[in-house]
Structure formats: C-alpha cells, structure tokens
Amino acid sequence: MKSPAFVVLLAAVAAIPLAALRAQDSAGGTTNVSISAEGEAVYRQICQACHMADARGGSGAGTGIPALADNPRLADKAYAIDILVNGSGGMPWFTDMLTPQQIAAVLNHVRGHFNAYPDPVTVAEVEQAIAAAGGDS
C-alpha cells in the first residue's frame, strides 16, 4: 500500500503541464534535447534529494551517490533508462512510482540540462525497457 505522502507527490507530479523548454549546455548554448517542465519537476521532487539540486551527487554521509551532471555514462541513453527501470545498488527502480512518460521526461532533463546529450529518450524506449524487464508499461 502506498503512503498518503507518496500519493500526494505522485498527483502533484502528474498535474504539471508539459511546457517544452530548451536545455542549456555549460557554455550557455542550447542542445537539441527538448526538456519538459515535467522532467524538471520530477527531478526536484524525487531525484535531487539524493543527487542534489546541482546534480553533483552526495558528499559526507551521502558519499557514494553519483553525480549526474557531466556524467559520461549518461551519454548512453540505454544505460540511463536501465538504471531507472531496474535500479542499481542503492538506487531503486522507479517503474512503480513514475509513468514511462515521467521517466523519459526526467532522463531528458538530466541528460539535457546537466549534460549536453542531444538524443532524447522516448517513451517508447522506456516502455520497451520495462517490457524487457518483465514489467508493465
């Protein structure tokens, strides 16, 4: 059974409109990845608690939480999708918390805002990874 706080969080994230934004790279230019307000909201509500607002990861007691900003592993969108669909180490899977659309949106936010990876993650790619993992999409 999901907690009332989780239900409220999920409802708040689901209610955010999908206004497209352009991602800025570190030099102030733009990438080709269109990110949504939904992706930013999911990051702020869920991811930044561990990965920090600047996506530089944890330090001190949070050591071992990897930085998402300037992370070359995230250039491989299949890797990024796999982490959110299947989890890894202390990182949980998110298929029971986020829709495929929300997973794609947050990955595009991380890959386009904190990195400059131009190829967007699609909902179809997330759904395919969920199906391959034996889940529902």
N, C-alpha and C. Protein backbone atom coordinates (compact mmCIF):
# COMPACT_ATOMS: atom_id res chain seq x y z
N MET A 1 0.84 -1.18 0.00
CA MET A 1 0.00 0.00 0.00
C MET A 1 0.88 1.24 0.00
N LYS A 2 0.58 2.18 -0.82
CA LYS A 2 1.36 3.40 -0.93
C LYS A 2 0.95 4.38 0.17
N SER A 3 1.93 5.11 0.69
CA SER A 3 1.65 6.07 1.75
C SER A 3 0.88 7.26 1.19
N PRO A 4 0.12 7.99 2.05
CA PRO A 4 -0.60 9.18 1.59
C PRO A 4 0.34 10.23 1.01
N ALA A 5 1.54 10.38 1.60
CA ALA A 5 2.51 11.36 1.09
C ALA A 5 2.94 11.00 -0.32
N PHE A 6 3.14 9.72 -0.60
CA PHE A 6 3.52 9.28 -1.94
C PHE A 6 2.42 9.59 -2.94
N VAL A 7 1.17 9.34 -2.55
CA VAL A 7 0.03 9.59 -3.44
C VAL A 7 -0.06 11.08 -3.76
N VAL A 8 0.14 11.93 -2.76
CA VAL A 8 0.10 13.38 -2.98
C VAL A 8 1.23 13.80 -3.91
N LEU A 9 2.45 13.27 -3.68
CA LEU A 9 3.60 13.57 -4.53
C LEU A 9 3.33 13.15 -5.96
N LEU A 10 2.84 11.96 -6.16
CA LEU A 10 2.56 11.45 -7.50
C LEU A 10 1.49 12.30 -8.18
N ALA A 11 0.46 12.69 -7.46
CA ALA A 11 -0.59 13.54 -8.04
C ALA A 11 -0.05 14.90 -8.42
N ALA A 12 0.85 15.46 -7.60
CA ALA A 12 1.43 16.77 -7.91
C ALA A 12 2.29 16.69 -9.16
N VAL A 13 3.09 15.65 -9.27
CA VAL A 13 3.96 15.50 -10.44
C VAL A 13 3.12 15.27 -11.69
N ALA A 14 2.09 14.48 -11.60
CA ALA A 14 1.24 14.19 -12.76
C ALA A 14 0.47 15.41 -13.24
N ALA A 15 0.23 16.38 -12.37
CA ALA A 15 -0.56 17.55 -12.73
C ALA A 15 0.24 18.65 -13.44
N ILE A 16 1.54 18.48 -13.52
CA ILE A 16 2.39 19.52 -14.12
C ILE A 16 2.24 19.49 -15.64
N PRO A 17 2.01 20.64 -16.28
CA PRO A 17 1.86 20.68 -17.73
C PRO A 17 3.20 20.39 -18.43
N LEU A 18 3.12 19.96 -19.65
CA LEU A 18 4.30 19.58 -20.42
C LEU A 18 4.80 20.73 -21.29
N ALA A 19 5.08 21.87 -20.71
CA ALA A 19 5.61 23.00 -21.47
C ALA A 19 7.06 22.70 -21.83
N ALA A 20 7.37 22.72 -23.12
CA ALA A 20 8.73 22.37 -23.55
C ALA A 20 9.68 23.52 -23.28
N LEU A 21 10.86 23.17 -22.79
CA LEU A 21 11.93 24.12 -22.55
C LEU A 21 13.14 23.69 -23.37
N ARG A 22 14.05 24.59 -23.63
CA ARG A 22 15.29 24.23 -24.30
C ARG A 22 16.37 24.09 -23.25
N ALA A 23 17.17 23.07 -23.33
CA ALA A 23 18.24 22.84 -22.36
C ALA A 23 19.46 23.67 -22.70
N GLN A 24 20.10 24.22 -21.69
CA GLN A 24 21.33 24.97 -21.89
C GLN A 24 22.51 24.09 -21.57
N ASP A 25 23.56 24.19 -22.40
CA ASP A 25 24.78 23.48 -22.06
C ASP A 25 25.64 24.40 -21.21
N SER A 26 26.80 23.90 -20.75
CA SER A 26 27.62 24.67 -19.83
C SER A 26 28.15 25.96 -20.44
N ALA A 27 28.20 26.07 -21.75
CA ALA A 27 28.70 27.28 -22.39
C ALA A 27 27.58 28.29 -22.64
N GLY A 28 26.37 27.96 -22.25
CA GLY A 28 25.25 28.88 -22.43
C GLY A 28 24.51 28.69 -23.74
N GLY A 29 24.94 27.74 -24.57
CA GLY A 29 24.23 27.45 -25.81
C GLY A 29 23.07 26.53 -25.52
N THR A 30 22.44 26.02 -26.56
CA THR A 30 21.35 25.07 -26.34
C THR A 30 21.68 23.76 -27.00
N THR A 31 21.14 22.69 -26.45
CA THR A 31 21.29 21.37 -27.05
C THR A 31 20.06 21.11 -27.90
N ASN A 32 20.02 19.96 -28.56
CA ASN A 32 18.86 19.59 -29.37
C ASN A 32 17.79 18.89 -28.55
N VAL A 33 18.07 18.60 -27.28
CA VAL A 33 17.11 17.89 -26.45
C VAL A 33 16.10 18.89 -25.92
N SER A 34 14.84 18.61 -26.18
CA SER A 34 13.76 19.43 -25.64
C SER A 34 13.35 18.81 -24.31
N ILE A 35 13.46 19.56 -23.24
CA ILE A 35 13.09 19.02 -21.93
C ILE A 35 11.79 19.66 -21.49
N SER A 36 11.08 18.97 -20.64
CA SER A 36 9.78 19.47 -20.23
C SER A 36 9.82 19.95 -18.78
N ALA A 37 8.85 20.74 -18.44
CA ALA A 37 8.69 21.16 -17.05
C ALA A 37 8.44 19.93 -16.18
N GLU A 38 7.81 18.93 -16.76
CA GLU A 38 7.54 17.70 -16.02
C GLU A 38 8.84 17.03 -15.59
N GLY A 39 9.83 16.97 -16.49
CA GLY A 39 11.11 16.36 -16.15
C GLY A 39 11.81 17.10 -15.04
N GLU A 40 11.77 18.43 -15.10
CA GLU A 40 12.38 19.23 -14.04
C GLU A 40 11.66 19.02 -12.71
N ALA A 41 10.34 18.95 -12.75
CA ALA A 41 9.57 18.74 -11.52
C ALA A 41 9.86 17.38 -10.90
N VAL A 42 9.93 16.35 -11.71
CA VAL A 42 10.25 15.01 -11.20
C VAL A 42 11.63 15.04 -10.57
N TYR A 43 12.59 15.68 -11.24
CA TYR A 43 13.95 15.76 -10.69
C TYR A 43 13.91 16.45 -9.32
N ARG A 44 13.24 17.58 -9.25
CA ARG A 44 13.20 18.34 -7.98
C ARG A 44 12.49 17.57 -6.87
N GLN A 45 11.41 16.88 -7.21
CA GLN A 45 10.62 16.19 -6.20
C GLN A 45 11.22 14.86 -5.75
N ILE A 46 11.96 14.20 -6.63
CA ILE A 46 12.43 12.85 -6.31
C ILE A 46 13.96 12.75 -6.33
N CYS A 47 14.58 13.15 -7.41
CA CYS A 47 16.00 12.87 -7.62
C CYS A 47 16.93 13.75 -6.80
N GLN A 48 16.60 15.03 -6.67
CA GLN A 48 17.55 15.93 -6.03
C GLN A 48 17.74 15.65 -4.55
N ALA A 49 16.86 14.91 -3.93
CA ALA A 49 17.05 14.56 -2.52
C ALA A 49 18.35 13.80 -2.32
N CYS A 50 18.74 13.00 -3.29
CA CYS A 50 20.00 12.24 -3.20
C CYS A 50 21.09 12.85 -4.08
N HIS A 51 20.72 13.21 -5.31
CA HIS A 51 21.72 13.67 -6.28
C HIS A 51 22.01 15.17 -6.19
N MET A 52 21.30 15.88 -5.33
CA MET A 52 21.46 17.30 -5.04
C MET A 52 20.88 18.18 -6.16
N ALA A 53 20.57 19.42 -5.82
CA ALA A 53 19.95 20.35 -6.77
C ALA A 53 20.82 20.60 -7.98
N ASP A 54 22.15 20.58 -7.78
CA ASP A 54 23.08 20.82 -8.90
C ASP A 54 23.50 19.54 -9.59
N ALA A 55 22.93 18.41 -9.18
CA ALA A 55 23.19 17.09 -9.75
C ALA A 55 24.64 16.66 -9.60
N ARG A 56 25.33 17.17 -8.60
CA ARG A 56 26.74 16.83 -8.36
C ARG A 56 26.91 15.65 -7.42
N GLY A 57 25.81 15.05 -6.98
CA GLY A 57 25.89 13.86 -6.14
C GLY A 57 26.08 14.18 -4.68
N GLY A 58 26.15 13.12 -3.88
CA GLY A 58 26.26 13.27 -2.44
C GLY A 58 27.70 13.34 -1.96
N SER A 59 27.87 13.99 -0.82
CA SER A 59 29.17 14.02 -0.15
C SER A 59 28.91 13.86 1.33
N GLY A 60 29.96 13.63 2.09
CA GLY A 60 29.79 13.40 3.53
C GLY A 60 29.05 12.10 3.74
N ALA A 61 27.96 12.15 4.50
CA ALA A 61 27.18 10.94 4.77
C ALA A 61 26.57 10.37 3.49
N GLY A 62 26.43 11.23 2.46
CA GLY A 62 25.85 10.79 1.20
C GLY A 62 26.88 10.33 0.19
N THR A 63 28.12 10.10 0.64
CA THR A 63 29.17 9.67 -0.29
C THR A 63 28.74 8.39 -0.98
N GLY A 64 29.03 8.30 -2.22
CA GLY A 64 28.65 7.13 -3.00
C GLY A 64 27.45 7.39 -3.89
N ILE A 65 26.82 8.54 -3.73
CA ILE A 65 25.72 8.90 -4.61
C ILE A 65 26.35 9.61 -5.80
N PRO A 66 26.26 9.02 -6.98
CA PRO A 66 26.99 9.58 -8.12
C PRO A 66 26.44 10.91 -8.62
N ALA A 67 27.35 11.69 -9.16
CA ALA A 67 26.96 12.93 -9.83
C ALA A 67 26.25 12.57 -11.12
N LEU A 68 25.21 13.30 -11.43
CA LEU A 68 24.53 13.14 -12.72
C LEU A 68 25.01 14.20 -13.70
N ALA A 69 25.46 15.33 -13.18
CA ALA A 69 25.98 16.40 -14.03
C ALA A 69 27.34 15.99 -14.59
N ASP A 70 27.54 16.29 -15.86
CA ASP A 70 28.81 15.97 -16.53
C ASP A 70 29.18 14.50 -16.38
N ASN A 71 28.19 13.64 -16.48
CA ASN A 71 28.40 12.21 -16.30
C ASN A 71 28.47 11.53 -17.67
N PRO A 72 29.65 11.06 -18.07
CA PRO A 72 29.78 10.44 -19.39
C PRO A 72 28.98 9.15 -19.55
N ARG A 73 28.65 8.47 -18.46
CA ARG A 73 27.85 7.24 -18.57
C ARG A 73 26.45 7.54 -19.11
N LEU A 74 25.95 8.75 -18.85
CA LEU A 74 24.60 9.09 -19.29
C LEU A 74 24.52 9.42 -20.77
N ALA A 75 25.66 9.45 -21.46
CA ALA A 75 25.65 9.63 -22.91
C ALA A 75 24.94 8.45 -23.57
N ASP A 76 25.02 7.28 -22.94
CA ASP A 76 24.33 6.09 -23.42
C ASP A 76 22.93 6.09 -22.82
N LYS A 77 21.95 6.49 -23.61
CA LYS A 77 20.60 6.60 -23.05
C LYS A 77 20.05 5.25 -22.62
N ALA A 78 20.49 4.16 -23.23
CA ALA A 78 20.04 2.83 -22.80
C ALA A 78 20.51 2.55 -21.37
N TYR A 79 21.72 3.00 -21.05
CA TYR A 79 22.24 2.86 -19.68
C TYR A 79 21.36 3.65 -18.71
N ALA A 80 21.07 4.89 -19.06
CA ALA A 80 20.26 5.75 -18.20
C ALA A 80 18.87 5.16 -17.98
N ILE A 81 18.26 4.67 -19.04
CA ILE A 81 16.94 4.05 -18.94
C ILE A 81 17.00 2.83 -18.03
N ASP A 82 18.02 2.01 -18.22
CA ASP A 82 18.18 0.78 -17.43
C ASP A 82 18.25 1.09 -15.94
N ILE A 83 18.96 2.13 -15.57
CA ILE A 83 19.10 2.47 -14.15
C ILE A 83 17.74 2.82 -13.54
N LEU A 84 16.92 3.60 -14.24
CA LEU A 84 15.62 3.97 -13.69
C LEU A 84 14.61 2.83 -13.75
N VAL A 85 14.74 1.96 -14.73
CA VAL A 85 13.80 0.85 -14.86
C VAL A 85 14.16 -0.30 -13.92
N ASN A 86 15.45 -0.58 -13.75
CA ASN A 86 15.88 -1.74 -12.97
C ASN A 86 16.55 -1.41 -11.65
N GLY A 87 16.95 -0.16 -11.45
CA GLY A 87 17.69 0.20 -10.24
C GLY A 87 19.13 -0.31 -10.34
N SER A 88 19.94 0.10 -9.39
CA SER A 88 21.34 -0.32 -9.36
C SER A 88 21.92 0.02 -7.99
N GLY A 89 22.44 -0.98 -7.30
CA GLY A 89 22.99 -0.74 -5.97
C GLY A 89 21.93 -0.14 -5.05
N GLY A 90 22.23 1.03 -4.48
CA GLY A 90 21.28 1.70 -3.60
C GLY A 90 20.21 2.48 -4.33
N MET A 91 20.32 2.56 -5.65
CA MET A 91 19.35 3.30 -6.45
C MET A 91 18.16 2.40 -6.74
N PRO A 92 16.95 2.79 -6.30
CA PRO A 92 15.78 1.95 -6.56
C PRO A 92 15.32 2.05 -8.01
N TRP A 93 14.48 1.12 -8.42
CA TRP A 93 13.82 1.25 -9.72
C TRP A 93 12.63 2.17 -9.51
N PHE A 94 12.18 2.80 -10.58
CA PHE A 94 11.11 3.78 -10.46
C PHE A 94 9.88 3.44 -11.26
N THR A 95 9.79 2.22 -11.79
CA THR A 95 8.64 1.86 -12.60
C THR A 95 7.37 1.71 -11.78
N ASP A 96 7.49 1.57 -10.47
CA ASP A 96 6.28 1.50 -9.64
C ASP A 96 5.89 2.87 -9.09
N MET A 97 6.69 3.91 -9.43
CA MET A 97 6.43 5.26 -8.93
C MET A 97 6.16 6.25 -10.06
N LEU A 98 6.83 6.06 -11.18
CA LEU A 98 6.73 7.00 -12.30
C LEU A 98 6.18 6.31 -13.54
N THR A 99 5.48 7.05 -14.36
CA THR A 99 5.00 6.53 -15.63
C THR A 99 6.16 6.51 -16.62
N PRO A 100 6.04 5.76 -17.71
CA PRO A 100 7.08 5.82 -18.74
C PRO A 100 7.32 7.24 -19.24
N GLN A 101 6.26 8.04 -19.36
CA GLN A 101 6.40 9.44 -19.79
C GLN A 101 7.23 10.23 -18.79
N GLN A 102 6.98 10.04 -17.51
CA GLN A 102 7.75 10.76 -16.49
C GLN A 102 9.20 10.31 -16.46
N ILE A 103 9.45 9.02 -16.65
CA ILE A 103 10.83 8.52 -16.69
C ILE A 103 11.56 9.15 -17.88
N ALA A 104 10.94 9.15 -19.05
CA ALA A 104 11.56 9.77 -20.22
C ALA A 104 11.81 11.26 -19.97
N ALA A 105 10.84 11.94 -19.37
CA ALA A 105 10.96 13.38 -19.12
C ALA A 105 12.11 13.69 -18.18
N VAL A 106 12.24 12.94 -17.09
CA VAL A 106 13.31 13.23 -16.13
C VAL A 106 14.67 12.87 -16.72
N LEU A 107 14.74 11.80 -17.50
CA LEU A 107 16.01 11.47 -18.15
C LEU A 107 16.40 12.54 -19.16
N ASN A 108 15.44 13.06 -19.89
CA ASN A 108 15.76 14.14 -20.84
C ASN A 108 16.18 15.41 -20.09
N HIS A 109 15.59 15.64 -18.94
CA HIS A 109 16.01 16.79 -18.13
C HIS A 109 17.46 16.63 -17.68
N VAL A 110 17.77 15.48 -17.12
CA VAL A 110 19.14 15.23 -16.62
C VAL A 110 20.14 15.23 -17.76
N ARG A 111 19.81 14.57 -18.86
CA ARG A 111 20.74 14.45 -19.98
C ARG A 111 20.87 15.75 -20.76
N GLY A 112 19.85 16.62 -20.72
CA GLY A 112 19.89 17.85 -21.48
C GLY A 112 20.23 19.08 -20.66
N HIS A 113 19.88 19.08 -19.37
CA HIS A 113 20.12 20.25 -18.53
C HIS A 113 21.46 20.17 -17.81
N PHE A 114 21.79 19.01 -17.26
CA PHE A 114 23.02 18.84 -16.51
C PHE A 114 24.14 18.27 -17.37
N ASN A 115 23.81 17.89 -18.58
CA ASN A 115 24.74 17.35 -19.57
C ASN A 115 24.33 17.95 -20.91
N ALA A 116 25.02 17.59 -21.96
CA ALA A 116 24.67 18.11 -23.29
C ALA A 116 24.49 16.98 -24.28
N TYR A 117 23.70 15.97 -23.89
CA TYR A 117 23.47 14.83 -24.77
C TYR A 117 22.25 15.11 -25.63
N PRO A 118 22.44 15.15 -26.96
CA PRO A 118 21.40 15.65 -27.87
C PRO A 118 20.30 14.66 -28.24
N ASP A 119 20.49 13.38 -27.99
CA ASP A 119 19.48 12.40 -28.43
C ASP A 119 18.48 12.14 -27.31
N PRO A 120 17.22 12.52 -27.52
CA PRO A 120 16.22 12.40 -26.46
C PRO A 120 15.83 10.94 -26.19
N VAL A 121 15.48 10.69 -24.95
CA VAL A 121 14.90 9.41 -24.55
C VAL A 121 13.42 9.48 -24.89
N THR A 122 12.91 8.45 -25.54
CA THR A 122 11.50 8.43 -25.91
C THR A 122 10.70 7.55 -24.95
N VAL A 123 9.43 7.82 -24.88
CA VAL A 123 8.53 6.99 -24.07
C VAL A 123 8.56 5.56 -24.59
N ALA A 124 8.61 5.38 -25.89
CA ALA A 124 8.66 4.03 -26.47
C ALA A 124 9.89 3.26 -26.01
N GLU A 125 11.03 3.94 -25.91
CA GLU A 125 12.26 3.28 -25.43
C GLU A 125 12.11 2.86 -23.96
N VAL A 126 11.50 3.71 -23.16
CA VAL A 126 11.27 3.37 -21.75
C VAL A 126 10.31 2.20 -21.66
N GLU A 127 9.21 2.23 -22.43
CA GLU A 127 8.25 1.13 -22.41
C GLU A 127 8.89 -0.19 -22.84
N GLN A 128 9.77 -0.13 -23.83
CA GLN A 128 10.47 -1.32 -24.29
C GLN A 128 11.37 -1.88 -23.19
N ALA A 129 12.07 -1.02 -22.46
CA ALA A 129 12.93 -1.47 -21.37
C ALA A 129 12.11 -2.06 -20.24
N ILE A 130 10.95 -1.47 -19.95
CA ILE A 130 10.08 -2.01 -18.90
C ILE A 130 9.57 -3.39 -19.30
N ALA A 131 9.17 -3.54 -20.56
CA ALA A 131 8.69 -4.84 -21.04
C ALA A 131 9.81 -5.88 -20.98
N ALA A 132 11.03 -5.48 -21.36
CA ALA A 132 12.16 -6.41 -21.32
C ALA A 132 12.50 -6.83 -19.89
N ALA A 133 12.22 -5.95 -18.94
CA ALA A 133 12.48 -6.24 -17.53
C ALA A 133 11.34 -7.06 -16.91
N GLY A 134 10.28 -7.29 -17.70
CA GLY A 134 9.16 -8.08 -17.22
C GLY A 134 8.10 -7.29 -16.50
N GLY A 135 8.12 -5.94 -16.68
CA GLY A 135 7.12 -5.09 -16.02
C GLY A 135 6.03 -4.67 -16.98
N ASP A 136 5.10 -3.92 -16.45
CA ASP A 136 4.02 -3.36 -17.26
C ASP A 136 4.41 -1.95 -17.65
N SER A 137 3.97 -1.50 -18.81
CA SER A 137 4.22 -0.11 -19.21
C SER A 137 2.97 0.71 -19.16
